[in-house]
N, C-alpha and C. Protein backbone atom coordinates (compact mmCIF):
# COMPACT_ATOMS: atom_id res chain seq x y z
N MET A 1 -51.50 52.41 -31.29
CA MET A 1 -52.31 51.21 -31.39
C MET A 1 -53.34 51.44 -32.50
N THR A 2 -53.53 50.46 -33.33
CA THR A 2 -54.58 50.57 -34.34
C THR A 2 -55.92 50.40 -33.65
N THR A 3 -56.88 51.19 -34.04
CA THR A 3 -58.18 51.09 -33.40
C THR A 3 -59.03 50.06 -34.12
N PRO A 4 -59.85 49.33 -33.36
CA PRO A 4 -60.78 48.41 -34.01
C PRO A 4 -61.70 49.12 -34.99
N ASP A 5 -61.88 50.43 -34.80
CA ASP A 5 -62.74 51.21 -35.69
C ASP A 5 -62.29 51.08 -37.14
N LEU A 6 -60.98 51.05 -37.40
CA LEU A 6 -60.49 50.94 -38.77
C LEU A 6 -60.99 49.66 -39.42
N ILE A 7 -60.95 48.57 -38.68
CA ILE A 7 -61.42 47.29 -39.20
C ILE A 7 -62.94 47.33 -39.37
N GLY A 8 -63.63 47.77 -38.33
CA GLY A 8 -65.09 47.81 -38.38
C GLY A 8 -65.61 48.74 -39.46
N LEU A 9 -64.99 49.91 -39.58
CA LEU A 9 -65.47 50.89 -40.55
C LEU A 9 -65.18 50.49 -41.99
N PHE A 10 -63.99 50.00 -42.25
CA PHE A 10 -63.56 49.82 -43.64
C PHE A 10 -63.45 48.38 -44.11
N ILE A 11 -63.12 47.46 -43.23
CA ILE A 11 -62.91 46.08 -43.67
C ILE A 11 -64.21 45.27 -43.61
N GLU A 12 -65.00 45.46 -42.59
CA GLU A 12 -66.26 44.71 -42.53
C GLU A 12 -67.13 44.93 -43.77
N PRO A 13 -67.25 46.16 -44.30
CA PRO A 13 -68.00 46.31 -45.56
C PRO A 13 -67.36 45.57 -46.74
N LEU A 14 -66.02 45.52 -46.78
CA LEU A 14 -65.35 44.78 -47.85
C LEU A 14 -65.60 43.28 -47.73
N GLU A 15 -65.73 42.80 -46.51
CA GLU A 15 -66.01 41.38 -46.29
C GLU A 15 -67.39 41.00 -46.83
N ARG A 16 -68.30 41.96 -46.91
CA ARG A 16 -69.66 41.67 -47.36
C ARG A 16 -69.81 41.66 -48.88
N ILE A 17 -68.80 42.13 -49.60
CA ILE A 17 -68.88 42.14 -51.06
C ILE A 17 -67.84 41.18 -51.63
N ASP A 18 -67.99 40.86 -52.89
CA ASP A 18 -67.13 39.84 -53.51
C ASP A 18 -65.96 40.49 -54.26
N VAL A 19 -65.07 41.16 -53.52
CA VAL A 19 -63.88 41.77 -54.10
C VAL A 19 -62.69 41.37 -53.24
N GLN A 20 -61.65 40.85 -53.86
CA GLN A 20 -60.46 40.46 -53.11
C GLN A 20 -59.76 41.70 -52.58
N TYR A 21 -59.30 41.60 -51.32
CA TYR A 21 -58.55 42.70 -50.70
C TYR A 21 -57.50 42.12 -49.78
N MET A 22 -56.58 42.99 -49.38
CA MET A 22 -55.63 42.65 -48.31
C MET A 22 -55.22 43.94 -47.63
N ILE A 23 -55.06 43.86 -46.32
CA ILE A 23 -54.61 44.99 -45.52
C ILE A 23 -53.09 45.03 -45.57
N THR A 24 -52.55 46.23 -45.71
CA THR A 24 -51.10 46.40 -45.73
C THR A 24 -50.76 47.67 -44.94
N GLY A 25 -49.58 48.22 -45.15
CA GLY A 25 -49.19 49.47 -44.52
C GLY A 25 -49.07 49.39 -43.01
N GLY A 26 -49.43 50.49 -42.35
CA GLY A 26 -49.27 50.61 -40.90
C GLY A 26 -50.05 49.58 -40.11
N VAL A 27 -51.29 49.29 -40.53
CA VAL A 27 -52.10 48.31 -39.80
C VAL A 27 -51.46 46.93 -39.91
N ALA A 28 -50.99 46.57 -41.10
CA ALA A 28 -50.32 45.27 -41.26
C ALA A 28 -49.04 45.21 -40.43
N SER A 29 -48.31 46.33 -40.36
CA SER A 29 -47.08 46.30 -39.56
C SER A 29 -47.40 46.20 -38.07
N VAL A 30 -48.57 46.69 -37.66
CA VAL A 30 -49.01 46.51 -36.28
C VAL A 30 -49.38 45.04 -36.04
N ILE A 31 -50.07 44.44 -37.00
CA ILE A 31 -50.45 43.03 -36.87
C ILE A 31 -49.22 42.15 -36.76
N TYR A 32 -48.20 42.41 -37.59
CA TYR A 32 -46.99 41.59 -37.59
C TYR A 32 -45.93 42.05 -36.59
N GLY A 33 -46.09 43.26 -36.09
CA GLY A 33 -45.04 43.83 -35.25
C GLY A 33 -45.55 44.44 -33.98
N ASP A 34 -45.08 45.64 -33.72
CA ASP A 34 -45.30 46.35 -32.48
C ASP A 34 -46.50 47.28 -32.58
N PRO A 35 -47.41 47.25 -31.62
CA PRO A 35 -48.57 48.15 -31.67
C PRO A 35 -48.15 49.62 -31.68
N ARG A 36 -48.80 50.38 -32.53
CA ARG A 36 -48.65 51.82 -32.57
C ARG A 36 -49.94 52.39 -33.12
N PHE A 37 -50.16 53.66 -32.91
CA PHE A 37 -51.39 54.30 -33.35
C PHE A 37 -51.31 54.64 -34.84
N THR A 38 -52.41 54.46 -35.54
CA THR A 38 -52.52 54.89 -36.92
C THR A 38 -53.96 55.32 -37.18
N ARG A 39 -54.13 56.35 -37.98
CA ARG A 39 -55.46 56.89 -38.27
C ARG A 39 -55.96 56.48 -39.65
N ASP A 40 -55.18 55.66 -40.34
CA ASP A 40 -55.64 55.22 -41.65
C ASP A 40 -55.33 53.75 -41.84
N ILE A 41 -55.95 53.17 -42.84
CA ILE A 41 -55.72 51.78 -43.17
C ILE A 41 -55.45 51.70 -44.66
N ASP A 42 -54.37 51.02 -45.03
CA ASP A 42 -54.01 50.83 -46.43
C ASP A 42 -54.56 49.49 -46.87
N VAL A 43 -55.27 49.51 -48.00
CA VAL A 43 -55.90 48.31 -48.51
C VAL A 43 -55.57 48.16 -49.99
N VAL A 44 -55.10 46.99 -50.38
CA VAL A 44 -54.92 46.67 -51.79
C VAL A 44 -56.18 45.93 -52.21
N LEU A 45 -56.77 46.39 -53.30
CA LEU A 45 -58.07 45.89 -53.73
C LEU A 45 -58.01 45.46 -55.19
N ALA A 46 -58.52 44.27 -55.48
CA ALA A 46 -58.63 43.78 -56.86
C ALA A 46 -59.99 44.23 -57.40
N LEU A 47 -60.08 45.50 -57.74
CA LEU A 47 -61.34 46.11 -58.14
C LEU A 47 -61.43 46.19 -59.66
N GLU A 48 -62.48 45.59 -60.20
CA GLU A 48 -62.79 45.72 -61.62
C GLU A 48 -63.77 46.88 -61.78
N GLN A 49 -63.84 47.44 -62.96
CA GLN A 49 -64.76 48.55 -63.20
C GLN A 49 -66.20 48.14 -62.86
N SER A 50 -66.54 46.90 -63.16
CA SER A 50 -67.90 46.42 -62.90
C SER A 50 -68.21 46.26 -61.40
N ASP A 51 -67.16 46.26 -60.55
CA ASP A 51 -67.35 46.13 -59.10
C ASP A 51 -67.63 47.46 -58.40
N VAL A 52 -67.43 48.56 -59.11
CA VAL A 52 -67.53 49.88 -58.48
C VAL A 52 -68.90 50.12 -57.85
N PRO A 53 -70.02 49.86 -58.53
CA PRO A 53 -71.32 50.11 -57.87
C PRO A 53 -71.49 49.34 -56.56
N GLU A 54 -71.04 48.08 -56.53
CA GLU A 54 -71.15 47.28 -55.30
C GLU A 54 -70.27 47.87 -54.19
N LEU A 55 -69.07 48.32 -54.54
CA LEU A 55 -68.18 48.95 -53.54
C LEU A 55 -68.82 50.22 -53.01
N GLN A 56 -69.35 51.05 -53.89
CA GLN A 56 -70.01 52.27 -53.43
C GLN A 56 -71.18 51.97 -52.52
N ALA A 57 -71.97 50.96 -52.89
CA ALA A 57 -73.14 50.59 -52.07
C ALA A 57 -72.72 50.12 -50.69
N ALA A 58 -71.56 49.48 -50.57
CA ALA A 58 -71.08 48.99 -49.28
C ALA A 58 -70.80 50.13 -48.30
N PHE A 59 -70.55 51.32 -48.83
CA PHE A 59 -70.22 52.47 -47.99
C PHE A 59 -71.27 53.58 -48.09
N GLN A 60 -72.49 53.22 -48.47
CA GLN A 60 -73.57 54.20 -48.57
C GLN A 60 -74.12 54.56 -47.21
N GLY A 61 -74.89 55.62 -47.17
CA GLY A 61 -75.58 56.00 -45.95
C GLY A 61 -75.15 57.35 -45.43
N GLY A 62 -74.23 58.01 -46.10
CA GLY A 62 -73.83 59.35 -45.69
C GLY A 62 -72.74 59.41 -44.65
N ASP A 63 -72.35 58.28 -44.07
CA ASP A 63 -71.29 58.29 -43.06
C ASP A 63 -69.90 58.40 -43.66
N PHE A 64 -69.78 58.12 -44.97
CA PHE A 64 -68.49 58.08 -45.63
C PHE A 64 -68.44 59.04 -46.81
N TYR A 65 -67.25 59.58 -47.02
CA TYR A 65 -66.98 60.21 -48.32
C TYR A 65 -66.46 59.09 -49.21
N VAL A 66 -67.13 58.88 -50.32
CA VAL A 66 -66.71 57.91 -51.33
C VAL A 66 -66.59 58.69 -52.63
N PRO A 67 -65.50 58.51 -53.37
CA PRO A 67 -65.37 59.25 -54.62
C PRO A 67 -66.54 58.98 -55.56
N PRO A 68 -66.78 59.91 -56.48
CA PRO A 68 -67.85 59.68 -57.46
C PRO A 68 -67.58 58.41 -58.28
N GLN A 69 -68.65 57.78 -58.70
CA GLN A 69 -68.54 56.52 -59.43
C GLN A 69 -67.62 56.66 -60.65
N GLU A 70 -67.73 57.73 -61.39
CA GLU A 70 -66.90 57.93 -62.59
C GLU A 70 -65.42 57.95 -62.23
N SER A 71 -65.08 58.60 -61.12
CA SER A 71 -63.67 58.65 -60.69
C SER A 71 -63.16 57.26 -60.32
N MET A 72 -63.99 56.50 -59.61
CA MET A 72 -63.57 55.16 -59.21
C MET A 72 -63.44 54.23 -60.42
N VAL A 73 -64.32 54.37 -61.40
CA VAL A 73 -64.23 53.57 -62.62
C VAL A 73 -62.93 53.92 -63.35
N ASN A 74 -62.61 55.22 -63.42
CA ASN A 74 -61.36 55.64 -64.08
C ASN A 74 -60.14 55.08 -63.36
N GLU A 75 -60.15 55.08 -62.03
CA GLU A 75 -59.03 54.53 -61.28
C GLU A 75 -58.92 53.02 -61.49
N ALA A 76 -60.06 52.34 -61.54
CA ALA A 76 -60.05 50.89 -61.76
C ALA A 76 -59.54 50.54 -63.16
N ALA A 77 -59.65 51.47 -64.10
CA ALA A 77 -59.21 51.23 -65.47
C ALA A 77 -57.70 51.43 -65.64
N ARG A 78 -57.04 52.05 -64.68
CA ARG A 78 -55.59 52.29 -64.80
C ARG A 78 -54.83 50.97 -64.77
N THR A 79 -54.06 50.73 -65.81
CA THR A 79 -53.31 49.47 -65.85
C THR A 79 -52.22 49.42 -64.79
N GLY A 80 -51.67 50.56 -64.45
CA GLY A 80 -50.62 50.60 -63.43
C GLY A 80 -51.16 50.53 -62.02
N GLY A 81 -52.47 50.49 -61.87
CA GLY A 81 -53.08 50.45 -60.54
C GLY A 81 -53.50 51.84 -60.10
N GLY A 82 -54.74 52.00 -59.81
CA GLY A 82 -55.26 53.29 -59.37
C GLY A 82 -55.21 53.44 -57.86
N HIS A 83 -55.72 54.57 -57.40
CA HIS A 83 -55.71 54.89 -55.97
C HIS A 83 -56.86 55.86 -55.68
N PHE A 84 -57.52 55.65 -54.55
CA PHE A 84 -58.50 56.62 -54.06
C PHE A 84 -58.66 56.41 -52.56
N ASN A 85 -59.36 57.32 -51.91
CA ASN A 85 -59.60 57.27 -50.47
C ASN A 85 -61.08 57.14 -50.18
N ILE A 86 -61.39 56.48 -49.10
CA ILE A 86 -62.73 56.48 -48.51
C ILE A 86 -62.54 57.02 -47.11
N ILE A 87 -63.33 58.01 -46.74
CA ILE A 87 -63.14 58.71 -45.46
C ILE A 87 -64.42 58.63 -44.63
N HIS A 88 -64.27 58.27 -43.37
CA HIS A 88 -65.40 58.27 -42.44
C HIS A 88 -65.58 59.71 -41.95
N ARG A 89 -66.74 60.27 -42.20
CA ARG A 89 -66.97 61.70 -41.95
C ARG A 89 -66.86 62.09 -40.47
N ASP A 90 -67.39 61.29 -39.55
CA ASP A 90 -67.42 61.66 -38.14
C ASP A 90 -66.05 61.59 -37.47
N THR A 91 -65.22 60.66 -37.88
CA THR A 91 -63.94 60.45 -37.19
C THR A 91 -62.74 60.92 -38.00
N ALA A 92 -62.93 61.16 -39.30
CA ALA A 92 -61.85 61.49 -40.24
C ALA A 92 -60.87 60.33 -40.44
N LEU A 93 -61.25 59.12 -39.97
CA LEU A 93 -60.43 57.94 -40.27
C LEU A 93 -60.55 57.67 -41.76
N ARG A 94 -59.46 57.14 -42.33
CA ARG A 94 -59.38 57.04 -43.79
C ARG A 94 -58.88 55.67 -44.22
N ALA A 95 -59.43 55.20 -45.33
CA ALA A 95 -58.91 54.01 -46.02
C ALA A 95 -58.25 54.48 -47.30
N ASP A 96 -56.96 54.20 -47.43
CA ASP A 96 -56.24 54.45 -48.68
C ASP A 96 -56.35 53.18 -49.49
N ILE A 97 -57.04 53.26 -50.61
CA ILE A 97 -57.31 52.10 -51.44
C ILE A 97 -56.34 52.12 -52.63
N TYR A 98 -55.55 51.07 -52.75
CA TYR A 98 -54.61 50.90 -53.87
C TYR A 98 -55.11 49.75 -54.72
N LEU A 99 -55.26 49.99 -56.00
CA LEU A 99 -55.80 48.97 -56.89
C LEU A 99 -54.68 48.16 -57.52
N VAL A 100 -54.92 46.87 -57.70
CA VAL A 100 -53.90 45.93 -58.14
C VAL A 100 -53.32 46.29 -59.50
N GLY A 101 -54.18 46.61 -60.47
CA GLY A 101 -53.69 46.90 -61.81
C GLY A 101 -52.83 45.76 -62.32
N ASN A 102 -51.74 46.11 -63.02
CA ASN A 102 -50.84 45.07 -63.51
C ASN A 102 -49.54 45.01 -62.71
N ASP A 103 -49.56 45.49 -61.47
CA ASP A 103 -48.39 45.46 -60.60
C ASP A 103 -48.11 44.01 -60.18
N PRO A 104 -46.96 43.44 -60.59
CA PRO A 104 -46.69 42.04 -60.28
C PRO A 104 -46.54 41.76 -58.78
N LEU A 105 -46.04 42.74 -58.01
CA LEU A 105 -45.91 42.53 -56.57
C LEU A 105 -47.29 42.48 -55.91
N HIS A 106 -48.19 43.38 -56.31
CA HIS A 106 -49.57 43.32 -55.80
C HIS A 106 -50.18 41.96 -56.09
N ALA A 107 -50.06 41.50 -57.35
CA ALA A 107 -50.67 40.23 -57.75
C ALA A 107 -50.06 39.06 -56.96
N TRP A 108 -48.74 39.06 -56.81
CA TRP A 108 -48.06 38.01 -56.06
C TRP A 108 -48.58 37.97 -54.62
N ALA A 109 -48.65 39.13 -54.01
CA ALA A 109 -49.06 39.20 -52.60
C ALA A 109 -50.53 38.83 -52.42
N LEU A 110 -51.37 39.26 -53.33
CA LEU A 110 -52.79 38.95 -53.20
C LEU A 110 -53.03 37.44 -53.25
N GLN A 111 -52.22 36.73 -54.02
CA GLN A 111 -52.33 35.27 -54.07
C GLN A 111 -51.86 34.62 -52.77
N ARG A 112 -51.05 35.33 -51.98
CA ARG A 112 -50.46 34.77 -50.77
C ARG A 112 -50.96 35.46 -49.49
N ARG A 113 -52.00 36.24 -49.60
CA ARG A 113 -52.54 36.93 -48.43
C ARG A 113 -52.92 35.91 -47.37
N ARG A 114 -52.96 36.35 -46.12
CA ARG A 114 -53.24 35.46 -44.99
C ARG A 114 -54.58 35.83 -44.37
N ARG A 115 -55.36 34.81 -44.02
CA ARG A 115 -56.63 35.01 -43.33
C ARG A 115 -56.36 34.89 -41.84
N ILE A 116 -56.65 35.94 -41.11
CA ILE A 116 -56.47 35.91 -39.66
C ILE A 116 -57.72 36.47 -38.99
N GLU A 117 -57.81 36.25 -37.68
CA GLU A 117 -58.89 36.86 -36.90
C GLU A 117 -58.29 37.96 -36.05
N LEU A 118 -58.87 39.14 -36.15
CA LEU A 118 -58.44 40.28 -35.36
C LEU A 118 -59.66 40.82 -34.64
N GLU A 119 -59.59 40.80 -33.30
CA GLU A 119 -60.74 41.24 -32.51
C GLU A 119 -61.99 40.45 -32.91
N SER A 120 -61.84 39.16 -33.14
CA SER A 120 -62.89 38.21 -33.55
C SER A 120 -63.52 38.54 -34.90
N THR A 121 -62.82 39.33 -35.70
CA THR A 121 -63.26 39.62 -37.06
C THR A 121 -62.27 38.99 -38.03
N PRO A 122 -62.74 38.12 -38.93
CA PRO A 122 -61.82 37.55 -39.92
C PRO A 122 -61.46 38.60 -40.98
N ILE A 123 -60.17 38.70 -41.27
CA ILE A 123 -59.68 39.68 -42.23
C ILE A 123 -58.58 39.05 -43.09
N TRP A 124 -58.31 39.68 -44.23
CA TRP A 124 -57.20 39.28 -45.09
C TRP A 124 -56.07 40.29 -44.92
N VAL A 125 -54.90 39.80 -44.62
CA VAL A 125 -53.73 40.68 -44.44
C VAL A 125 -52.66 40.26 -45.44
N ALA A 126 -51.94 41.24 -45.94
CA ALA A 126 -50.87 40.98 -46.90
C ALA A 126 -49.80 40.11 -46.26
N PRO A 127 -49.09 39.31 -47.06
CA PRO A 127 -48.00 38.51 -46.49
C PRO A 127 -46.90 39.41 -45.94
N LEU A 128 -46.22 38.92 -44.95
CA LEU A 128 -45.16 39.68 -44.28
C LEU A 128 -44.13 40.21 -45.27
N GLU A 129 -43.74 39.40 -46.25
CA GLU A 129 -42.73 39.82 -47.23
C GLU A 129 -43.18 41.07 -47.98
N TYR A 130 -44.45 41.11 -48.37
CA TYR A 130 -45.00 42.26 -49.09
C TYR A 130 -44.95 43.51 -48.22
N VAL A 131 -45.37 43.38 -46.97
CA VAL A 131 -45.39 44.53 -46.06
C VAL A 131 -43.98 45.08 -45.90
N ILE A 132 -43.00 44.19 -45.74
CA ILE A 132 -41.61 44.62 -45.61
C ILE A 132 -41.14 45.32 -46.88
N LEU A 133 -41.43 44.75 -48.03
CA LEU A 133 -41.00 45.35 -49.30
C LEU A 133 -41.59 46.74 -49.49
N ARG A 134 -42.86 46.89 -49.22
CA ARG A 134 -43.49 48.22 -49.37
C ARG A 134 -42.92 49.21 -48.36
N LYS A 135 -42.69 48.75 -47.13
CA LYS A 135 -42.07 49.63 -46.13
C LYS A 135 -40.68 50.06 -46.59
N LEU A 136 -39.94 49.16 -47.20
CA LEU A 136 -38.61 49.52 -47.73
C LEU A 136 -38.73 50.56 -48.83
N GLN A 137 -39.73 50.43 -49.69
CA GLN A 137 -39.94 51.43 -50.74
C GLN A 137 -40.30 52.78 -50.14
N TYR A 138 -41.16 52.77 -49.11
CA TYR A 138 -41.51 54.02 -48.45
C TYR A 138 -40.29 54.64 -47.79
N TYR A 139 -39.47 53.80 -47.18
CA TYR A 139 -38.24 54.30 -46.55
C TYR A 139 -37.33 54.93 -47.60
N GLN A 140 -37.19 54.28 -48.74
CA GLN A 140 -36.33 54.80 -49.80
C GLN A 140 -36.80 56.18 -50.27
N SER A 141 -38.09 56.38 -50.35
CA SER A 141 -38.59 57.65 -50.85
C SER A 141 -38.67 58.73 -49.77
N SER A 142 -38.81 58.34 -48.51
CA SER A 142 -38.98 59.34 -47.45
C SER A 142 -37.82 59.44 -46.49
N GLU A 143 -37.03 58.36 -46.39
CA GLU A 143 -35.95 58.24 -45.42
C GLU A 143 -36.43 58.37 -43.98
N SER A 144 -37.70 58.04 -43.75
CA SER A 144 -38.26 58.09 -42.40
C SER A 144 -37.87 56.83 -41.63
N ASP A 145 -37.27 57.02 -40.47
CA ASP A 145 -36.88 55.90 -39.62
C ASP A 145 -38.08 55.08 -39.13
N ARG A 146 -39.26 55.67 -39.19
CA ARG A 146 -40.46 54.94 -38.75
C ARG A 146 -40.60 53.64 -39.54
N HIS A 147 -40.29 53.67 -40.83
CA HIS A 147 -40.40 52.47 -41.65
C HIS A 147 -39.35 51.42 -41.25
N LEU A 148 -38.15 51.87 -40.93
CA LEU A 148 -37.11 50.94 -40.46
C LEU A 148 -37.52 50.32 -39.13
N ARG A 149 -38.08 51.13 -38.25
CA ARG A 149 -38.54 50.63 -36.96
C ARG A 149 -39.63 49.58 -37.16
N ASP A 150 -40.60 49.89 -38.03
CA ASP A 150 -41.67 48.93 -38.30
C ASP A 150 -41.11 47.60 -38.80
N ILE A 151 -40.16 47.67 -39.74
CA ILE A 151 -39.56 46.45 -40.29
C ILE A 151 -38.81 45.68 -39.21
N ALA A 152 -38.01 46.39 -38.44
CA ALA A 152 -37.24 45.73 -37.37
C ALA A 152 -38.16 45.02 -36.39
N MET A 153 -39.25 45.67 -36.02
CA MET A 153 -40.19 45.05 -35.08
C MET A 153 -40.94 43.87 -35.70
N MET A 154 -41.29 43.98 -36.98
CA MET A 154 -41.94 42.85 -37.65
C MET A 154 -41.00 41.65 -37.70
N LEU A 155 -39.74 41.90 -38.02
CA LEU A 155 -38.76 40.80 -38.06
C LEU A 155 -38.58 40.18 -36.69
N ARG A 156 -38.56 41.02 -35.65
CA ARG A 156 -38.37 40.52 -34.29
C ARG A 156 -39.56 39.69 -33.82
N ILE A 157 -40.78 40.18 -34.10
CA ILE A 157 -41.98 39.55 -33.56
C ILE A 157 -42.52 38.44 -34.46
N SER A 158 -42.46 38.63 -35.77
CA SER A 158 -43.07 37.68 -36.71
C SER A 158 -42.08 37.08 -37.70
N GLY A 159 -40.81 37.17 -37.41
CA GLY A 159 -39.79 36.67 -38.32
C GLY A 159 -39.94 35.22 -38.69
N ASP A 160 -40.57 34.43 -37.82
CA ASP A 160 -40.76 33.01 -38.11
C ASP A 160 -41.76 32.79 -39.25
N LEU A 161 -42.54 33.80 -39.60
CA LEU A 161 -43.49 33.70 -40.72
C LEU A 161 -42.85 34.06 -42.06
N LEU A 162 -41.64 34.57 -42.01
CA LEU A 162 -40.99 35.12 -43.20
C LEU A 162 -40.56 34.02 -44.16
N ASN A 163 -40.92 34.19 -45.42
CA ASN A 163 -40.45 33.32 -46.49
C ASN A 163 -39.21 34.01 -47.07
N GLU A 164 -38.07 33.70 -46.50
CA GLU A 164 -36.81 34.38 -46.85
C GLU A 164 -36.45 34.22 -48.33
N PRO A 165 -36.57 33.03 -48.94
CA PRO A 165 -36.24 32.94 -50.37
C PRO A 165 -37.13 33.84 -51.24
N ALA A 166 -38.42 33.89 -50.96
CA ALA A 166 -39.32 34.76 -51.73
C ALA A 166 -38.95 36.22 -51.51
N LEU A 167 -38.65 36.58 -50.27
CA LEU A 167 -38.26 37.96 -49.98
C LEU A 167 -36.99 38.33 -50.75
N GLN A 168 -36.01 37.43 -50.78
CA GLN A 168 -34.75 37.71 -51.48
C GLN A 168 -34.97 37.92 -52.98
N ILE A 169 -35.86 37.14 -53.56
CA ILE A 169 -36.17 37.32 -54.99
C ILE A 169 -36.71 38.72 -55.24
N TRP A 170 -37.67 39.15 -54.41
CA TRP A 170 -38.27 40.47 -54.60
C TRP A 170 -37.30 41.60 -54.24
N LEU A 171 -36.46 41.39 -53.23
CA LEU A 171 -35.45 42.40 -52.91
C LEU A 171 -34.55 42.65 -54.11
N SER A 172 -34.17 41.58 -54.79
CA SER A 172 -33.32 41.70 -55.98
C SER A 172 -34.08 42.39 -57.12
N ARG A 173 -35.30 41.95 -57.39
CA ARG A 173 -36.11 42.54 -58.47
C ARG A 173 -36.34 44.03 -58.28
N LEU A 174 -36.57 44.42 -57.03
CA LEU A 174 -36.91 45.82 -56.73
C LEU A 174 -35.70 46.65 -56.30
N ASN A 175 -34.52 46.02 -56.33
CA ASN A 175 -33.29 46.72 -55.95
C ASN A 175 -33.38 47.29 -54.53
N LEU A 176 -33.80 46.44 -53.60
CA LEU A 176 -33.99 46.86 -52.21
C LEU A 176 -33.09 46.12 -51.23
N ALA A 177 -32.10 45.39 -51.72
CA ALA A 177 -31.23 44.61 -50.83
C ALA A 177 -30.48 45.51 -49.85
N GLY A 178 -29.97 46.64 -50.32
CA GLY A 178 -29.25 47.57 -49.44
C GLY A 178 -30.12 48.13 -48.33
N PRO A 179 -31.29 48.68 -48.67
CA PRO A 179 -32.18 49.17 -47.61
C PRO A 179 -32.62 48.06 -46.64
N TYR A 180 -32.78 46.83 -47.14
CA TYR A 180 -33.16 45.74 -46.25
C TYR A 180 -32.06 45.44 -45.24
N LEU A 181 -30.80 45.44 -45.68
CA LEU A 181 -29.70 45.26 -44.74
C LEU A 181 -29.70 46.36 -43.68
N HIS A 182 -29.98 47.57 -44.11
CA HIS A 182 -30.08 48.71 -43.18
C HIS A 182 -31.19 48.45 -42.16
N ALA A 183 -32.34 47.97 -42.64
CA ALA A 183 -33.47 47.70 -41.74
C ALA A 183 -33.14 46.57 -40.77
N GLN A 184 -32.43 45.54 -41.24
CA GLN A 184 -32.08 44.43 -40.37
C GLN A 184 -31.15 44.88 -39.24
N ARG A 185 -30.33 45.87 -39.50
CA ARG A 185 -29.37 46.38 -38.50
C ARG A 185 -29.98 47.45 -37.59
N TYR A 186 -31.15 47.91 -37.96
CA TYR A 186 -31.79 48.99 -37.19
C TYR A 186 -32.15 48.49 -35.81
N SER A 187 -31.87 49.28 -34.81
CA SER A 187 -32.17 48.91 -33.44
C SER A 187 -33.26 49.85 -32.89
N PRO A 188 -34.52 49.38 -32.86
CA PRO A 188 -35.59 50.23 -32.34
C PRO A 188 -35.41 50.45 -30.84
N SER A 189 -35.80 51.61 -30.42
CA SER A 189 -35.68 51.97 -29.00
C SER A 189 -36.75 51.29 -28.19
């Protein structure tokens, strides 16, 4: 089960600043699918170099490890999309921050993110198609059945939210049609 702490620790500060974000990864698969425990939250962030001081200020106070400003500026400058972590010191819970850069899938998904309320907190979550596509990519690189299980459960529980034509376009672009068929046939225990 995802803990409310992940939302309270990492998303509430993002809600207070003017930077577009969306939750993806394990937390998004829990939102769209079957509850399971996760100790981290994956966030796609549209962070400009000029936004770095405001992001750092949102996590000030010594409770978090936040990368040095220079490192975050360098990551924000990567055209392919940067990456860094923010870690809560007391719990070791972690936010994996992925920056949009010029990744067309990130940009597409950020335009289609969904606003939902979780535990009475409004949050932005990636569209179901994006979460499935990223899970398929993770499956391709790791061959972990956990990703297939997550996809199967998301399809079972939230399949009515799926934009099948959009998903098919991205499956073709990313060469993921085969793994998607595998995920559709997967039978979670």
